[in-house]
PDB file of N, CA and C in Angstrom:
ATOM      1  N   UNK A   1     116.187  93.302  76.695  1.00  0.00           N
ATOM      2  CA  UNK A   1     114.911  93.544  77.326  1.00  0.00           C
ATOM      3  C   UNK A   1     113.952  92.429  76.943  1.00  0.00           C
ATOM      4  N   UNK A   2     113.158  91.960  77.875  1.00  0.00           N
ATOM      5  CA  UNK A   2     112.265  90.848  77.620  1.00  0.00           C
ATOM      6  C   UNK A   2     110.894  91.254  77.122  1.00  0.00           C
ATOM      7  N   UNK A   3     110.029  90.274  77.092  1.00  0.00           N
ATOM      8  CA  UNK A   3     108.661  90.460  76.639  1.00  0.00           C
ATOM      9  C   UNK A   3     107.752  90.753  77.830  1.00  0.00           C
ATOM     10  N   UNK A   4     106.568  91.282  77.525  1.00  0.00           N
ATOM     11  CA  UNK A   4     105.553  91.490  78.555  1.00  0.00           C
ATOM     12  C   UNK A   4     104.232  90.929  78.056  1.00  0.00           C
ATOM     13  N   UNK A   5     103.553  90.194  78.917  1.00  0.00           N
ATOM     14  CA  UNK A   5     102.216  89.704  78.616  1.00  0.00           C
ATOM     15  C   UNK A   5     101.250  90.438  79.537  1.00  0.00           C
ATOM     16  N   UNK A   6     100.258  91.088  78.942  1.00  0.00           N
ATOM     17  CA  UNK A   6      99.189  91.726  79.689  1.00  0.00           C
ATOM     18  C   UNK A   6      98.006  90.762  79.685  1.00  0.00           C
ATOM     19  N   UNK A   7      97.446  90.510  80.871  1.00  0.00           N
ATOM     20  CA  UNK A   7      96.366  89.536  80.947  1.00  0.00           C
ATOM     21  C   UNK A   7      95.168  90.110  81.696  1.00  0.00           C
ATOM     22  N   UNK A   8      93.993  89.580  81.388  1.00  0.00           N
ATOM     23  CA  UNK A   8      92.781  89.831  82.165  1.00  0.00           C
ATOM     24  C   UNK A   8      92.156  88.480  82.425  1.00  0.00           C
ATOM     25  N   UNK A   9      91.904  88.203  83.702  1.00  0.00           N
ATOM     26  CA  UNK A   9      91.374  86.900  84.077  1.00  0.00           C
ATOM     27  C   UNK A   9      90.315  87.057  85.152  1.00  0.00           C
ATOM     28  N   UNK A  10      89.078  86.764  84.806  1.00  0.00           N
ATOM     29  CA  UNK A  10      87.991  86.850  85.784  1.00  0.00           C
ATOM     30  C   UNK A  10      87.983  85.622  86.698  1.00  0.00           C
ATOM     31  N   UNK A  11      88.294  84.458  86.150  1.00  0.00           N
ATOM     32  CA  UNK A  11      88.227  83.214  86.930  1.00  0.00           C
ATOM     33  C   UNK A  11      89.592  82.603  87.215  1.00  0.00           C
ATOM     34  N   UNK A  12      90.646  83.127  86.601  1.00  0.00           N
ATOM     35  CA  UNK A  12      91.989  82.596  86.808  1.00  0.00           C
ATOM     36  C   UNK A  12      92.518  81.781  85.647  1.00  0.00           C
ATOM     37  N   UNK A  13      91.653  81.381  84.717  1.00  0.00           N
ATOM     38  CA  UNK A  13      92.101  80.557  83.592  1.00  0.00           C
ATOM     39  C   UNK A  13      93.091  81.289  82.681  1.00  0.00           C
ATOM     40  N   UNK A  14      92.820  82.549  82.396  1.00  0.00           N
ATOM     41  CA  UNK A  14      93.726  83.306  81.520  1.00  0.00           C
ATOM     42  C   UNK A  14      95.065  83.567  82.192  1.00  0.00           C
ATOM     43  N   UNK A  15      95.059  83.730  83.497  1.00  0.00           N
ATOM     44  CA  UNK A  15      96.321  83.904  84.227  1.00  0.00           C
ATOM     45  C   UNK A  15      97.173  82.642  84.121  1.00  0.00           C
ATOM     46  N   UNK A  16      96.564  81.487  84.238  1.00  0.00           N
ATOM     47  CA  UNK A  16      97.291  80.224  84.098  1.00  0.00           C
ATOM     48  C   UNK A  16      97.939  80.149  82.719  1.00  0.00           C
ATOM     49  N   UNK A  17      97.198  80.496  81.684  1.00  0.00           N
ATOM     50  CA  UNK A  17      97.728  80.467  80.308  1.00  0.00           C
ATOM     51  C   UNK A  17      98.852  81.483  80.155  1.00  0.00           C
ATOM     52  N   UNK A  18      98.669  82.694  80.699  1.00  0.00           N
ATOM     53  CA  UNK A  18      99.712  83.722  80.610  1.00  0.00           C
ATOM     54  C   UNK A  18     100.996  83.244  81.281  1.00  0.00           C
ATOM     55  N   UNK A  19     100.873  82.589  82.421  1.00  0.00           N
ATOM     56  CA  UNK A  19     102.060  82.060  83.109  1.00  0.00           C
ATOM     57  C   UNK A  19     102.744  80.975  82.292  1.00  0.00           C
ATOM     58  N   UNK A  20     101.971  80.112  81.648  1.00  0.00           N
ATOM     59  CA  UNK A  20     102.555  79.057  80.813  1.00  0.00           C
ATOM     60  C   UNK A  20     103.301  79.655  79.621  1.00  0.00           C
ATOM     61  N   UNK A  21     102.714  80.652  78.988  1.00  0.00           N
ATOM     62  CA  UNK A  21     103.373  81.312  77.845  1.00  0.00           C
ATOM     63  C   UNK A  21     104.656  81.988  78.308  1.00  0.00           C
ATOM     64  N   UNK A  22     104.594  82.717  79.429  1.00  0.00           N
ATOM     65  CA  UNK A  22     105.775  83.411  79.948  1.00  0.00           C
ATOM     66  C   UNK A  22     106.898  82.429  80.270  1.00  0.00           C
ATOM     67  N   UNK A  23     106.551  81.288  80.834  1.00  0.00           N
ATOM     68  CA  UNK A  23     107.552  80.272  81.154  1.00  0.00           C
ATOM     69  C   UNK A  23     108.228  79.756  79.890  1.00  0.00           C
ATOM     70  N   UNK A  24     107.448  79.532  78.833  1.00  0.00           N
ATOM     71  CA  UNK A  24     108.015  79.046  77.568  1.00  0.00           C
ATOM     72  C   UNK A  24     108.881  80.111  76.902  1.00  0.00           C
ATOM     73  N   UNK A  25     108.513  81.382  77.034  1.00  0.00           N
ATOM     74  CA  UNK A  25     109.286  82.457  76.411  1.00  0.00           C
ATOM     75  C   UNK A  25     110.591  82.742  77.145  1.00  0.00           C
ATOM     76  N   UNK A  26     110.583  82.527  78.433  1.00  0.00           N
ATOM     77  CA  UNK A  26     111.796  82.811  79.204  1.00  0.00           C
ATOM     78  C   UNK A  26     111.750  84.201  79.810  1.00  0.00           C
ATOM     79  N   UNK A  27     112.507  85.130  79.278  1.00  0.00           N
ATOM     80  CA  UNK A  27     112.615  86.488  79.812  1.00  0.00           C
ATOM     81  C   UNK A  27     111.315  87.247  79.544  1.00  0.00           C
ATOM     82  N   UNK A  28     110.324  87.037  80.406  1.00  0.00           N
ATOM     83  CA  UNK A  28     108.984  87.582  80.165  1.00  0.00           C
ATOM     84  C   UNK A  28     108.325  87.953  81.488  1.00  0.00           C
ATOM     85  N   UNK A  29     107.703  89.129  81.533  1.00  0.00           N
ATOM     86  CA  UNK A  29     106.950  89.533  82.710  1.00  0.00           C
ATOM     87  C   UNK A  29     105.457  89.463  82.401  1.00  0.00           C
ATOM     88  N   UNK A  30     104.666  89.357  83.454  1.00  0.00           N
ATOM     89  CA  UNK A  30     103.214  89.284  83.328  1.00  0.00           C
ATOM     90  C   UNK A  30     102.615  90.467  84.087  1.00  0.00           C
ATOM     91  N   UNK A  31     101.710  91.201  83.442  1.00  0.00           N
ATOM     92  CA  UNK A  31     101.066  92.353  84.062  1.00  0.00           C
ATOM     93  C   UNK A  31      99.557  92.245  83.904  1.00  0.00           C
ATOM     94  N   UNK A  32      98.833  92.529  84.959  1.00  0.00           N
ATOM     95  CA  UNK A  32      97.376  92.499  84.915  1.00  0.00           C
ATOM     96  C   UNK A  32      96.836  93.743  84.228  1.00  0.00           C
ATOM     97  N   UNK A  33      95.846  93.560  83.367  1.00  0.00           N
ATOM     98  CA  UNK A  33      95.180  94.705  82.742  1.00  0.00           C
ATOM     99  C   UNK A  33      94.274  95.413  83.747  1.00  0.00           C
ATOM    100  N   UNK A  34      93.963  94.768  84.863  1.00  0.00           N
ATOM    101  CA  UNK A  34      93.133  95.392  85.891  1.00  0.00           C
ATOM    102  C   UNK A  34      93.947  96.357  86.753  1.00  0.00           C
ATOM    103  N   UNK A  35      95.272  96.289  86.667  1.00  0.00           N
ATOM    104  CA  UNK A  35      96.144  97.204  87.412  1.00  0.00           C
ATOM    105  C   UNK A  35      96.248  98.528  86.649  1.00  0.00           C
ATOM    106  N   UNK A  36      97.024  99.438  87.191  1.00  0.00           N
ATOM    107  CA  UNK A  36      97.219 100.731  86.541  1.00  0.00           C
ATOM    108  C   UNK A  36      97.957 100.572  85.216  1.00  0.00           C
ATOM    109  N   UNK A  37      97.714 101.525  84.308  1.00  0.00           N
ATOM    110  CA  UNK A  37      98.442 101.550  83.041  1.00  0.00           C
ATOM    111  C   UNK A  37      99.912 101.845  83.292  1.00  0.00           C
ATOM    112  N   UNK A  38     100.793 101.316  82.458  1.00  0.00           N
ATOM    113  CA  UNK A  38     102.210 101.672  82.576  1.00  0.00           C
ATOM    114  C   UNK A  38     102.405 103.175  82.361  1.00  0.00           C
ATOM    115  N   UNK A  39     103.357 103.765  83.070  1.00  0.00           N
ATOM    116  CA  UNK A  39     103.644 105.198  82.944  1.00  0.00           C
ATOM    117  C   UNK A  39     104.279 105.537  81.606  1.00  0.00           C
ATOM    118  N   UNK A  40     105.008 104.597  81.043  1.00  0.00           N
ATOM    119  CA  UNK A  40     105.749 104.837  79.808  1.00  0.00           C
ATOM    120  C   UNK A  40     105.153 104.035  78.660  1.00  0.00           C
ATOM    121  N   UNK A  41     105.577 104.339  77.451  1.00  0.00           N
ATOM    122  CA  UNK A  41     105.166 103.578  76.281  1.00  0.00           C
ATOM    123  C   UNK A  41     105.675 102.148  76.403  1.00  0.00           C
ATOM    124  N   UNK A  42     104.961 101.225  75.776  1.00  0.00           N
ATOM    125  CA  UNK A  42     105.341  99.813  75.822  1.00  0.00           C
ATOM    126  C   UNK A  42     105.500  99.290  74.407  1.00  0.00           C
ATOM    127  N   UNK A  43     106.160  98.166  74.291  1.00  0.00           N
ATOM    128  CA  UNK A  43     106.322  97.527  72.990  1.00  0.00           C
ATOM    129  C   UNK A  43     107.544  98.025  72.258  1.00  0.00           C
ATOM    130  N   UNK A  44     107.534  97.831  70.967  1.00  0.00           N
ATOM    131  CA  UNK A  44     108.653  98.203  70.123  1.00  0.00           C
ATOM    132  C   UNK A  44     109.406  96.968  69.663  1.00  0.00           C
ATOM    133  N   UNK A  45     110.344  97.158  68.751  1.00  0.00           N
ATOM    134  CA  UNK A  45     111.066  96.023  68.174  1.00  0.00           C
ATOM    135  C   UNK A  45     111.842  95.184  69.185  1.00  0.00           C
ATOM    136  N   UNK A  46     112.322  95.810  70.261  1.00  0.00           N
ATOM    137  CA  UNK A  46     113.130  95.096  71.252  1.00  0.00           C
ATOM    138  C   UNK A  46     112.348  94.656  72.483  1.00  0.00           C
ATOM    139  N   UNK A  47     111.053  94.930  72.499  1.00  0.00           N
ATOM    140  CA  UNK A  47     110.239  94.584  73.673  1.00  0.00           C
ATOM    141  C   UNK A  47     108.848  94.133  73.214  1.00  0.00           C
ATOM    142  N   UNK A  48     108.737  92.901  72.744  1.00  0.00           N
ATOM    143  CA  UNK A  48     107.425  92.421  72.281  1.00  0.00           C
ATOM    144  C   UNK A  48     106.418  92.334  73.432  1.00  0.00           C
ATOM    145  N   UNK A  49     105.162  92.605  73.108  1.00  0.00           N
ATOM    146  CA  UNK A  49     104.096  92.483  74.089  1.00  0.00           C
ATOM    147  C   UNK A  49     103.018  91.552  73.544  1.00  0.00           C
ATOM    148  N   UNK A  50     102.248  90.979  74.457  1.00  0.00           N
ATOM    149  CA  UNK A  50     101.147  90.106  74.072  1.00  0.00           C
ATOM    150  C   UNK A  50      99.987  90.301  75.031  1.00  0.00           C
ATOM    151  N   UNK A  51      98.827  89.801  74.637  1.00  0.00           N
ATOM    152  CA  UNK A  51      97.618  89.946  75.428  1.00  0.00           C
ATOM    153  C   UNK A  51      96.949  88.589  75.580  1.00  0.00           C
ATOM    154  N   UNK A  52      96.524  88.275  76.799  1.00  0.00           N
ATOM    155  CA  UNK A  52      95.802  87.029  77.068  1.00  0.00           C
ATOM    156  C   UNK A  52      94.524  87.398  77.811  1.00  0.00           C
ATOM    157  N   UNK A  53      93.387  86.990  77.268  1.00  0.00           N
ATOM    158  CA  UNK A  53      92.104  87.254  77.905  1.00  0.00           C
ATOM    159  C   UNK A  53      91.059  86.344  77.285  1.00  0.00           C
ATOM    160  N   UNK A  54      89.971  86.169  77.988  1.00  0.00           N
ATOM    161  CA  UNK A  54      88.852  85.392  77.471  1.00  0.00           C
ATOM    162  C   UNK A  54      87.965  86.298  76.627  1.00  0.00           C
ATOM    163  N   UNK A  55      87.357  85.731  75.613  1.00  0.00           N
ATOM    164  CA  UNK A  55      86.389  86.467  74.805  1.00  0.00           C
ATOM    165  C   UNK A  55      85.010  86.128  75.344  1.00  0.00           C
ATOM    166  N   UNK A  56      84.263  87.156  75.685  1.00  0.00           N
ATOM    167  CA  UNK A  56      82.928  86.948  76.215  1.00  0.00           C
ATOM    168  C   UNK A  56      81.905  86.851  75.089  1.00  0.00           C
ATOM    169  N   UNK A  57      80.670  86.724  75.445  1.00  0.00           N
ATOM    170  CA  UNK A  57      79.564  86.472  74.523  1.00  0.00           C
ATOM    171  C   UNK A  57      79.613  87.315  73.248  1.00  0.00           C
ATOM    172  N   UNK A  58      79.759  88.610  73.381  1.00  0.00           N
ATOM    173  CA  UNK A  58      79.715  89.482  72.205  1.00  0.00           C
ATOM    174  C   UNK A  58      81.061  90.113  71.872  1.00  0.00           C
ATOM    175  N   UNK A  59      82.133  89.667  72.463  1.00  0.00           N
ATOM    176  CA  UNK A  59      83.441  90.219  72.114  1.00  0.00           C
ATOM    177  C   UNK A  59      84.334  90.415  73.314  1.00  0.00           C
ATOM    178  N   UNK A  60      85.151  91.457  73.211  1.00  0.00           N
ATOM    179  CA  UNK A  60      86.133  91.744  74.259  1.00  0.00           C
ATOM    180  C   UNK A  60      85.463  92.215  75.539  1.00  0.00           C
ATOM    181  N   UNK A  61      86.018  91.836  76.679  1.00  0.00           N
ATOM    182  CA  UNK A  61      85.530  92.409  77.933  1.00  0.00           C
ATOM    183  C   UNK A  61      85.774  93.925  77.930  1.00  0.00           C
ATOM    184  N   UNK A  62      84.895  94.666  78.553  1.00  0.00           N
ATOM    185  CA  UNK A  62      84.992  96.130  78.574  1.00  0.00           C
ATOM    186  C   UNK A  62      86.336  96.592  79.132  1.00  0.00           C
ATOM    187  N   UNK A  63      86.817  95.958  80.195  1.00  0.00           N
ATOM    188  CA  UNK A  63      88.085  96.338  80.797  1.00  0.00           C
ATOM    189  C   UNK A  63      89.240  96.188  79.801  1.00  0.00           C
ATOM    190  N   UNK A  64      89.227  95.127  78.999  1.00  0.00           N
ATOM    191  CA  UNK A  64      90.272  94.898  78.000  1.00  0.00           C
ATOM    192  C   UNK A  64      90.235  95.990  76.942  1.00  0.00           C
ATOM    193  N   UNK A  65      89.057  96.314  76.437  1.00  0.00           N
ATOM    194  CA  UNK A  65      88.920  97.389  75.441  1.00  0.00           C
ATOM    195  C   UNK A  65      89.474  98.694  75.971  1.00  0.00           C
ATOM    196  N   UNK A  66      89.096  99.055  77.182  1.00  0.00           N
ATOM    197  CA  UNK A  66      89.554 100.315  77.769  1.00  0.00           C
ATOM    198  C   UNK A  66      91.068 100.317  77.957  1.00  0.00           C
ATOM    199  N   UNK A  67      91.624  99.212  78.419  1.00  0.00           N
ATOM    200  CA  UNK A  67      93.064  99.121  78.651  1.00  0.00           C
ATOM    201  C   UNK A  67      93.829  99.303  77.344  1.00  0.00           C
ATOM    202  N   UNK A  68      93.430  98.591  76.305  1.00  0.00           N
ATOM    203  CA  UNK A  68      94.145  98.643  75.030  1.00  0.00           C
ATOM    204  C   UNK A  68      94.011 100.025  74.385  1.00  0.00           C
ATOM    205  N   UNK A  69      92.860 100.645  74.486  1.00  0.00           N
ATOM    206  CA  UNK A  69      92.659 101.980  73.904  1.00  0.00           C
ATOM    207  C   UNK A  69      93.528 103.021  74.584  1.00  0.00           C
ATOM    208  N   UNK A  70      93.777 102.863  75.875  1.00  0.00           N
ATOM    209  CA  UNK A  70      94.562 103.857  76.624  1.00  0.00           C
ATOM    210  C   UNK A  70      96.049 103.558  76.628  1.00  0.00           C
ATOM    211  N   UNK A  71      96.444 102.349  76.251  1.00  0.00           N
ATOM    212  CA  UNK A  71      97.845 101.945  76.274  1.00  0.00           C
ATOM    213  C   UNK A  71      98.611 102.613  75.131  1.00  0.00           C
ATOM    214  N   UNK A  72      99.763 103.176  75.434  1.00  0.00           N
ATOM    215  CA  UNK A  72     100.605 103.808  74.410  1.00  0.00           C
ATOM    216  C   UNK A  72     101.609 102.767  73.907  1.00  0.00           C
ATOM    217  N   UNK A  73     101.332 102.198  72.728  1.00  0.00           N
ATOM    218  CA  UNK A  73     102.129 101.097  72.185  1.00  0.00           C
ATOM    219  C   UNK A  73     103.088 101.626  71.115  1.00  0.00           C
ATOM    220  N   UNK A  74     104.364 101.344  71.271  1.00  0.00           N
ATOM    221  CA  UNK A  74     105.365 101.677  70.256  1.00  0.00           C
ATOM    222  C   UNK A  74     105.345 100.618  69.171  1.00  0.00           C
ATOM    223  N   UNK A  75     105.492 101.047  67.956  1.00  0.00           N
ATOM    224  CA  UNK A  75     105.503 100.109  66.838  1.00  0.00           C
ATOM    225  C   UNK A  75     106.912  99.982  66.301  1.00  0.00           C
TER     226      UNK A  75
END
């Protein structure tokens, strides 16, 4: 099973970076944080996940905070 990168990109810059990382990793999918949450738990020892997003003036974008708080991540 491959990796998954979750990204949030307002202008497209973070999407470009997520695509570059996925290409270097190989077996990797890219999912938008603006889309629906996954139905199942994500992550775990055999399925690494990563996050790509821009940091705004005072921290994380609201959408990123909400997505990560609602995501069920396996450790």
